[in-house]
PDB file of all heavy atoms in Angstrom:
ATOM      1  N   ILE A   1      -0.685  -1.250  12.736  1.00  0.00           N
ATOM      2  CA  ILE A   1      -1.629  -0.402  12.007  1.00  0.00           C
ATOM      3  C   ILE A   1      -1.692  -0.843  10.552  1.00  0.00           C
ATOM      4  O   ILE A   1      -0.670  -1.007   9.888  1.00  0.00           O
ATOM      5  CB  ILE A   1      -1.227   1.082  12.099  1.00  0.00           C
ATOM      6  CG1 ILE A   1      -1.223   1.543  13.565  1.00  0.00           C
ATOM      7  CG2 ILE A   1      -2.180   1.953  11.275  1.00  0.00           C
ATOM      8  CD1 ILE A   1      -0.800   2.988  13.770  1.00  0.00           C
ATOM      9  N   VAL A   2      -2.914  -1.056  10.064  1.00  0.00           N
ATOM     10  CA  VAL A   2      -3.148  -1.376   8.656  1.00  0.00           C
ATOM     11  C   VAL A   2      -3.855  -0.181   8.028  1.00  0.00           C
ATOM     12  O   VAL A   2      -4.958   0.183   8.453  1.00  0.00           O
ATOM     13  CB  VAL A   2      -3.998  -2.646   8.496  1.00  0.00           C
ATOM     14  CG1 VAL A   2      -4.198  -2.960   7.013  1.00  0.00           C
ATOM     15  CG2 VAL A   2      -3.341  -3.829   9.208  1.00  0.00           C
ATOM     16  N   VAL A   3      -3.214   0.427   7.051  1.00  0.00           N
ATOM     17  CA  VAL A   3      -3.716   1.650   6.427  1.00  0.00           C
ATOM     18  C   VAL A   3      -4.269   1.315   5.043  1.00  0.00           C
ATOM     19  O   VAL A   3      -3.542   0.844   4.170  1.00  0.00           O
ATOM     20  CB  VAL A   3      -2.599   2.699   6.302  1.00  0.00           C
ATOM     21  CG1 VAL A   3      -3.108   3.939   5.574  1.00  0.00           C
ATOM     22  CG2 VAL A   3      -2.060   3.074   7.679  1.00  0.00           C
ATOM     23  N   ILE A   4      -5.558   1.564   4.841  1.00  0.00           N
ATOM     24  CA  ILE A   4      -6.195   1.389   3.544  1.00  0.00           C
ATOM     25  C   ILE A   4      -6.361   2.766   2.922  1.00  0.00           C
ATOM     26  O   ILE A   4      -6.932   3.673   3.537  1.00  0.00           O
ATOM     27  CB  ILE A   4      -7.587   0.729   3.690  1.00  0.00           C
ATOM     28  CG1 ILE A   4      -7.479  -0.591   4.431  1.00  0.00           C
ATOM     29  CG2 ILE A   4      -8.248   0.563   2.331  1.00  0.00           C
ATOM     30  CD1 ILE A   4      -6.710  -1.654   3.701  1.00  0.00           C
ATOM     31  N   THR A   5      -5.852   2.957   1.703  1.00  0.00           N
ATOM     32  CA  THR A   5      -5.909   4.279   1.096  1.00  0.00           C
ATOM     33  C   THR A   5      -5.788   4.178  -0.415  1.00  0.00           C
ATOM     34  O   THR A   5      -5.396   3.141  -0.960  1.00  0.00           O
ATOM     35  CB  THR A   5      -4.781   5.178   1.655  1.00  0.00           C
ATOM     36  OG1 THR A   5      -4.891   6.496   1.110  1.00  0.00           O
ATOM     37  CG2 THR A   5      -3.403   4.613   1.295  1.00  0.00           C
ATOM     38  N   HIS A   6      -6.153   5.260  -1.091  1.00  0.00           N
ATOM     39  CA  HIS A   6      -5.892   5.370  -2.529  1.00  0.00           C
ATOM     40  C   HIS A   6      -4.817   6.417  -2.793  1.00  0.00           C
ATOM     41  O   HIS A   6      -4.514   6.714  -3.945  1.00  0.00           O
ATOM     42  CB  HIS A   6      -7.183   5.763  -3.279  1.00  0.00           C
ATOM     43  CG  HIS A   6      -7.684   7.133  -2.914  1.00  0.00           C
ATOM     44  ND1 HIS A   6      -8.435   7.371  -1.790  1.00  0.00           N
ATOM     45  CD2 HIS A   6      -7.528   8.333  -3.523  1.00  0.00           C
ATOM     46  CE1 HIS A   6      -8.730   8.664  -1.731  1.00  0.00           C
ATOM     47  NE2 HIS A   6      -8.189   9.270  -2.767  1.00  0.00           N
ATOM     48  N   GLU A   7      -4.240   6.961  -1.713  1.00  0.00           N
ATOM     49  CA  GLU A   7      -3.275   8.051  -1.831  1.00  0.00           C
ATOM     50  C   GLU A   7      -1.855   7.570  -1.506  1.00  0.00           C
ATOM     51  O   GLU A   7      -1.571   7.178  -0.380  1.00  0.00           O
ATOM     52  CB  GLU A   7      -3.658   9.186  -0.891  1.00  0.00           C
ATOM     53  CG  GLU A   7      -5.022   9.782  -1.182  1.00  0.00           C
ATOM     54  CD  GLU A   7      -5.419  10.831  -0.166  1.00  0.00           C
ATOM     55  OE1 GLU A   7      -5.673  10.466   0.989  1.00  0.00           O
ATOM     56  OE2 GLU A   7      -5.460  12.019  -0.530  1.00  0.00           O
ATOM     57  N   MET A   8      -0.975   7.646  -2.485  1.00  0.00           N
ATOM     58  CA  MET A   8       0.402   7.208  -2.276  1.00  0.00           C
ATOM     59  C   MET A   8       1.106   8.068  -1.233  1.00  0.00           C
ATOM     60  O   MET A   8       1.979   7.589  -0.508  1.00  0.00           O
ATOM     61  CB  MET A   8       1.169   7.253  -3.599  1.00  0.00           C
ATOM     62  CG  MET A   8       2.517   6.563  -3.553  1.00  0.00           C
ATOM     63  SD  MET A   8       2.417   4.788  -3.192  1.00  0.00           S
ATOM     64  CE  MET A   8       2.024   4.140  -4.821  1.00  0.00           C
ATOM     65  N   LYS A   9       0.721   9.344  -1.106  1.00  0.00           N
ATOM     66  CA  LYS A   9       1.383  10.224  -0.141  1.00  0.00           C
ATOM     67  C   LYS A   9       1.161   9.742   1.292  1.00  0.00           C
ATOM     68  O   LYS A   9       2.007   9.966   2.166  1.00  0.00           O
ATOM     69  CB  LYS A   9       0.882  11.659  -0.292  1.00  0.00           C
ATOM     70  CG  LYS A   9      -0.591  11.856   0.019  1.00  0.00           C
ATOM     71  CD  LYS A   9      -1.034  13.279  -0.269  1.00  0.00           C
ATOM     72  CE  LYS A   9      -2.520  13.460   0.017  1.00  0.00           C
ATOM     73  NZ  LYS A   9      -2.979  14.830  -0.317  1.00  0.00           N
ATOM     74  N   VAL A  10       0.032   9.081   1.542  1.00  0.00           N
ATOM     75  CA  VAL A  10      -0.223   8.515   2.871  1.00  0.00           C
ATOM     76  C   VAL A  10       0.731   7.349   3.124  1.00  0.00           C
ATOM     77  O   VAL A  10       1.338   7.239   4.195  1.00  0.00           O
ATOM     78  CB  VAL A  10      -1.686   8.059   2.995  1.00  0.00           C
ATOM     79  CG1 VAL A  10      -1.906   7.280   4.290  1.00  0.00           C
ATOM     80  CG2 VAL A  10      -2.626   9.267   2.930  1.00  0.00           C
ATOM     81  N   ILE A  11       0.877   6.495   2.131  1.00  0.00           N
ATOM     82  CA  ILE A  11       1.763   5.327   2.253  1.00  0.00           C
ATOM     83  C   ILE A  11       3.196   5.763   2.491  1.00  0.00           C
ATOM     84  O   ILE A  11       3.884   5.246   3.378  1.00  0.00           O
ATOM     85  CB  ILE A  11       1.686   4.465   0.974  1.00  0.00           C
ATOM     86  CG1 ILE A  11       0.262   3.921   0.755  1.00  0.00           C
ATOM     87  CG2 ILE A  11       2.713   3.331   1.027  1.00  0.00           C
ATOM     88  CD1 ILE A  11      -0.217   2.970   1.808  1.00  0.00           C
ATOM     89  N   GLU A  12       3.662   6.725   1.703  1.00  0.00           N
ATOM     90  CA  GLU A  12       5.081   7.103   1.770  1.00  0.00           C
ATOM     91  C   GLU A  12       5.442   7.771   3.087  1.00  0.00           C
ATOM     92  O   GLU A  12       6.604   7.761   3.490  1.00  0.00           O
ATOM     93  CB  GLU A  12       5.448   7.997   0.584  1.00  0.00           C
ATOM     94  CG  GLU A  12       4.803   9.370   0.598  1.00  0.00           C
ATOM     95  CD  GLU A  12       4.899  10.091  -0.740  1.00  0.00           C
ATOM     96  OE1 GLU A  12       5.154   9.429  -1.766  1.00  0.00           O
ATOM     97  OE2 GLU A  12       4.706  11.323  -0.766  1.00  0.00           O
ATOM     98  N   GLN A  13       4.456   8.348   3.773  1.00  0.00           N
ATOM     99  CA  GLN A  13       4.771   9.071   5.002  1.00  0.00           C
ATOM    100  C   GLN A  13       4.879   8.165   6.223  1.00  0.00           C
ATOM    101  O   GLN A  13       5.677   8.455   7.123  1.00  0.00           O
ATOM    102  CB  GLN A  13       3.719  10.160   5.258  1.00  0.00           C
ATOM    103  CG  GLN A  13       3.858  11.352   4.329  1.00  0.00           C
ATOM    104  CD  GLN A  13       2.873  12.455   4.666  1.00  0.00           C
ATOM    105  OE1 GLN A  13       2.672  12.802   5.829  1.00  0.00           O
ATOM    106  NE2 GLN A  13       2.248  13.015   3.650  1.00  0.00           N
ATOM    107  N   ILE A  14       4.109   7.084   6.289  1.00  0.00           N
ATOM    108  CA  ILE A  14       4.125   6.338   7.560  1.00  0.00           C
ATOM    109  C   ILE A  14       4.294   4.829   7.427  1.00  0.00           C
ATOM    110  O   ILE A  14       4.546   4.163   8.430  1.00  0.00           O
ATOM    111  CB  ILE A  14       2.853   6.609   8.400  1.00  0.00           C
ATOM    112  CG1 ILE A  14       1.603   6.056   7.724  1.00  0.00           C
ATOM    113  CG2 ILE A  14       2.704   8.077   8.708  1.00  0.00           C
ATOM    114  CD1 ILE A  14       0.384   6.052   8.658  1.00  0.00           C
ATOM    115  N   CYS A  15       4.166   4.255   6.221  1.00  0.00           N
ATOM    116  CA  CYS A  15       4.135   2.794   6.128  1.00  0.00           C
ATOM    117  C   CYS A  15       5.529   2.179   6.002  1.00  0.00           C
ATOM    118  O   CYS A  15       6.424   2.762   5.382  1.00  0.00           O
ATOM    119  CB  CYS A  15       3.276   2.354   4.940  1.00  0.00           C
ATOM    120  SG  CYS A  15       1.520   2.712   5.171  1.00  0.00           S
ATOM    121  N   ASN A  16       5.680   0.983   6.577  1.00  0.00           N
ATOM    122  CA  ASN A  16       6.899   0.198   6.416  1.00  0.00           C
ATOM    123  C   ASN A  16       6.852  -0.606   5.122  1.00  0.00           C
ATOM    124  O   ASN A  16       7.805  -0.616   4.355  1.00  0.00           O
ATOM    125  CB  ASN A  16       7.072  -0.769   7.594  1.00  0.00           C
ATOM    126  CG  ASN A  16       6.967  -0.071   8.940  1.00  0.00           C
ATOM    127  OD1 ASN A  16       6.056  -0.344   9.711  1.00  0.00           O
ATOM    128  ND2 ASN A  16       7.883   0.837   9.228  1.00  0.00           N
ATOM    129  N   ARG A  17       5.734  -1.288   4.911  1.00  0.00           N
ATOM    130  CA  ARG A  17       5.541  -2.087   3.706  1.00  0.00           C
ATOM    131  C   ARG A  17       4.192  -1.761   3.094  1.00  0.00           C
ATOM    132  O   ARG A  17       3.322  -1.178   3.740  1.00  0.00           O
ATOM    133  CB  ARG A  17       5.624  -3.589   4.017  1.00  0.00           C
ATOM    134  CG  ARG A  17       7.005  -4.061   4.458  1.00  0.00           C
ATOM    135  CD  ARG A  17       7.077  -5.589   4.522  1.00  0.00           C
ATOM    136  NE  ARG A  17       6.063  -6.124   5.418  1.00  0.00           N
ATOM    137  CZ  ARG A  17       5.282  -7.162   5.117  1.00  0.00           C
ATOM    138  NH1 ARG A  17       5.382  -7.765   3.950  1.00  0.00           N
ATOM    139  NH2 ARG A  17       4.398  -7.608   6.004  1.00  0.00           N
ATOM    140  N   VAL A  18       4.032  -2.156   1.828  1.00  0.00           N
ATOM    141  CA  VAL A  18       2.797  -1.821   1.131  1.00  0.00           C
ATOM    142  C   VAL A  18       2.415  -2.959   0.186  1.00  0.00           C
ATOM    143  O   VAL A  18       3.276  -3.625  -0.391  1.00  0.00           O
ATOM    144  CB  VAL A  18       2.945  -0.494   0.342  1.00  0.00           C
ATOM    145  CG1 VAL A  18       4.048  -0.604  -0.710  1.00  0.00           C
ATOM    146  CG2 VAL A  18       1.635  -0.078  -0.305  1.00  0.00           C
ATOM    147  N   ALA A  19       1.108  -3.181   0.070  1.00  0.00           N
ATOM    148  CA  ALA A  19       0.568  -4.107  -0.923  1.00  0.00           C
ATOM    149  C   ALA A  19      -0.276  -3.293  -1.902  1.00  0.00           C
ATOM    150  O   ALA A  19      -1.070  -2.446  -1.492  1.00  0.00           O
ATOM    151  CB  ALA A  19      -0.288  -5.176  -0.253  1.00  0.00           C
ATOM    152  N   ILE A  20      -0.063  -3.541  -3.192  1.00  0.00           N
ATOM    153  CA  ILE A  20      -0.834  -2.871  -4.232  1.00  0.00           C
ATOM    154  C   ILE A  20      -1.956  -3.807  -4.656  1.00  0.00           C
ATOM    155  O   ILE A  20      -1.709  -4.958  -5.038  1.00  0.00           O
ATOM    156  CB  ILE A  20       0.036  -2.536  -5.464  1.00  0.00           C
ATOM    157  CG1 ILE A  20       1.346  -1.856  -5.048  1.00  0.00           C
ATOM    158  CG2 ILE A  20      -0.745  -1.684  -6.448  1.00  0.00           C
ATOM    159  CD1 ILE A  20       1.191  -0.512  -4.408  1.00  0.00           C
ATOM    160  N   ILE A  21      -3.196  -3.327  -4.585  1.00  0.00           N
ATOM    161  CA  ILE A  21      -4.335  -4.134  -4.988  1.00  0.00           C
ATOM    162  C   ILE A  21      -4.965  -3.524  -6.236  1.00  0.00           C
ATOM    163  O   ILE A  21      -5.161  -2.307  -6.312  1.00  0.00           O
ATOM    164  CB  ILE A  21      -5.366  -4.279  -3.844  1.00  0.00           C
ATOM    165  CG1 ILE A  21      -6.474  -5.259  -4.226  1.00  0.00           C
ATOM    166  CG2 ILE A  21      -5.931  -2.937  -3.417  1.00  0.00           C
ATOM    167  CD1 ILE A  21      -7.379  -5.659  -3.069  1.00  0.00           C
ATOM    168  N   ALA A  22      -5.223  -4.364  -7.223  1.00  0.00           N
ATOM    169  CA  ALA A  22      -5.846  -3.922  -8.471  1.00  0.00           C
ATOM    170  C   ALA A  22      -6.709  -5.047  -9.007  1.00  0.00           C
ATOM    171  O   ALA A  22      -6.284  -6.210  -9.030  1.00  0.00           O
ATOM    172  CB  ALA A  22      -4.781  -3.525  -9.494  1.00  0.00           C
ATOM    173  N   ASP A  23      -7.911  -4.713  -9.432  1.00  0.00           N
ATOM    174  CA  ASP A  23      -8.831  -5.709  -9.997  1.00  0.00           C
ATOM    175  C   ASP A  23      -8.963  -6.931  -9.098  1.00  0.00           C
ATOM    176  O   ASP A  23      -8.896  -8.081  -9.562  1.00  0.00           O
ATOM    177  CB  ASP A  23      -8.363  -6.131 -11.391  1.00  0.00           C
ATOM    178  CG  ASP A  23      -8.339  -4.960 -12.366  1.00  0.00           C
ATOM    179  OD1 ASP A  23      -9.217  -4.095 -12.260  1.00  0.00           O
ATOM    180  OD2 ASP A  23      -7.419  -4.908 -13.204  1.00  0.00           O
ATOM    181  N   SER A  24      -9.094  -6.678  -7.798  1.00  0.00           N
ATOM    182  CA  SER A  24      -9.361  -7.719  -6.797  1.00  0.00           C
ATOM    183  C   SER A  24      -8.170  -8.599  -6.470  1.00  0.00           C
ATOM    184  O   SER A  24      -8.299  -9.570  -5.726  1.00  0.00           O
ATOM    185  CB  SER A  24     -10.533  -8.616  -7.240  1.00  0.00           C
ATOM    186  OG  SER A  24     -11.647  -7.846  -7.626  1.00  0.00           O
ATOM    187  N   ASN A  25      -6.982  -8.259  -7.007  1.00  0.00           N
ATOM    188  CA  ASN A  25      -5.782  -9.060  -6.773  1.00  0.00           C
ATOM    189  C   ASN A  25      -4.670  -8.215  -6.160  1.00  0.00           C
ATOM    190  O   ASN A  25      -4.577  -7.011  -6.428  1.00  0.00           O
ATOM    191  CB  ASN A  25      -5.262  -9.651  -8.097  1.00  0.00           C
ATOM    192  CG  ASN A  25      -6.213 -10.667  -8.689  1.00  0.00           C
ATOM    193  OD1 ASN A  25      -6.178 -11.835  -8.340  1.00  0.00           O
ATOM    194  ND2 ASN A  25      -7.071 -10.218  -9.590  1.00  0.00           N
ATOM    195  N   ILE A  26      -3.822  -8.853  -5.362  1.00  0.00           N
ATOM    196  CA  ILE A  26      -2.590  -8.202  -4.918  1.00  0.00           C
ATOM    197  C   ILE A  26      -1.573  -8.351  -6.050  1.00  0.00           C
ATOM    198  O   ILE A  26      -1.170  -9.468  -6.389  1.00  0.00           O
ATOM    199  CB  ILE A  26      -2.042  -8.838  -3.620  1.00  0.00           C
ATOM    200  CG1 ILE A  26      -3.053  -8.700  -2.483  1.00  0.00           C
ATOM    201  CG2 ILE A  26      -0.710  -8.186  -3.242  1.00  0.00           C
ATOM    202  CD1 ILE A  26      -3.361  -7.279  -2.068  1.00  0.00           C
ATOM    203  N   VAL A  27      -1.156  -7.220  -6.645  1.00  0.00           N
ATOM    204  CA  VAL A  27      -0.264  -7.282  -7.802  1.00  0.00           C
ATOM    205  C   VAL A  27       1.196  -7.027  -7.428  1.00  0.00           C
ATOM    206  O   VAL A  27       2.098  -7.409  -8.170  1.00  0.00           O
ATOM    207  CB  VAL A  27      -0.715  -6.300  -8.900  1.00  0.00           C
ATOM    208  CG1 VAL A  27      -2.082  -6.709  -9.436  1.00  0.00           C
ATOM    209  CG2 VAL A  27      -0.756  -4.857  -8.392  1.00  0.00           C
ATOM    210  N   GLU A  28       1.411  -6.356  -6.299  1.00  0.00           N
ATOM    211  CA  GLU A  28       2.769  -6.139  -5.801  1.00  0.00           C
ATOM    212  C   GLU A  28       2.728  -6.034  -4.294  1.00  0.00           C
ATOM    213  O   GLU A  28       1.744  -5.570  -3.713  1.00  0.00           O
ATOM    214  CB  GLU A  28       3.393  -4.854  -6.361  1.00  0.00           C
ATOM    215  CG  GLU A  28       3.807  -4.914  -7.808  1.00  0.00           C
ATOM    216  CD  GLU A  28       4.688  -3.732  -8.201  1.00  0.00           C
ATOM    217  OE1 GLU A  28       5.707  -3.494  -7.505  1.00  0.00           O
ATOM    218  OE2 GLU A  28       4.373  -3.065  -9.196  1.00  0.00           O
ATOM    219  N   ILE A  29       3.818  -6.443  -3.659  1.00  0.00           N
ATOM    220  CA  ILE A  29       3.944  -6.296  -2.212  1.00  0.00           C
ATOM    221  C   ILE A  29       5.428  -6.193  -1.872  1.00  0.00           C
ATOM    222  O   ILE A  29       6.262  -6.868  -2.480  1.00  0.00           O
ATOM    223  CB  ILE A  29       3.283  -7.484  -1.470  1.00  0.00           C
ATOM    224  CG1 ILE A  29       3.211  -7.232   0.033  1.00  0.00           C
ATOM    225  CG2 ILE A  29       3.991  -8.786  -1.768  1.00  0.00           C
ATOM    226  CD1 ILE A  29       2.323  -8.227   0.774  1.00  0.00           C
ATOM    227  N   GLY A  30       5.757  -5.301  -0.955  1.00  0.00           N
ATOM    228  CA  GLY A  30       7.152  -5.137  -0.579  1.00  0.00           C
ATOM    229  C   GLY A  30       7.331  -3.914   0.292  1.00  0.00           C
ATOM    230  O   GLY A  30       6.358  -3.273   0.707  1.00  0.00           O
ATOM    231  N   THR A  31       8.573  -3.584   0.581  1.00  0.00           N
ATOM    232  CA  THR A  31       8.814  -2.363   1.333  1.00  0.00           C
ATOM    233  C   THR A  31       8.420  -1.179   0.461  1.00  0.00           C
ATOM    234  O   THR A  31       8.431  -1.257  -0.779  1.00  0.00           O
ATOM    235  CB  THR A  31      10.294  -2.225   1.733  1.00  0.00           C
ATOM    236  OG1 THR A  31      11.089  -2.051   0.550  1.00  0.00           O
ATOM    237  CG2 THR A  31      10.772  -3.455   2.505  1.00  0.00           C
ATOM    238  N   VAL A  32       8.077  -0.085   1.113  1.00  0.00           N
ATOM    239  CA  VAL A  32       7.686   1.111   0.368  1.00  0.00           C
ATOM    240  C   VAL A  32       8.823   1.540  -0.550  1.00  0.00           C
ATOM    241  O   VAL A  32       8.606   1.914  -1.712  1.00  0.00           O
ATOM    242  CB  VAL A  32       7.292   2.243   1.341  1.00  0.00           C
ATOM    243  CG1 VAL A  32       7.037   3.546   0.581  1.00  0.00           C
ATOM    244  CG2 VAL A  32       6.050   1.839   2.134  1.00  0.00           C
TER     245      VAL A  32
END
């Protein structure tokens, strides 16, 4: 499952890892 969201509460509840996207770039990626 790939979850696209603007809400951190969604990420923290179900995701294993997360990528942060800002200004068209991935600025961080790692475990939640």
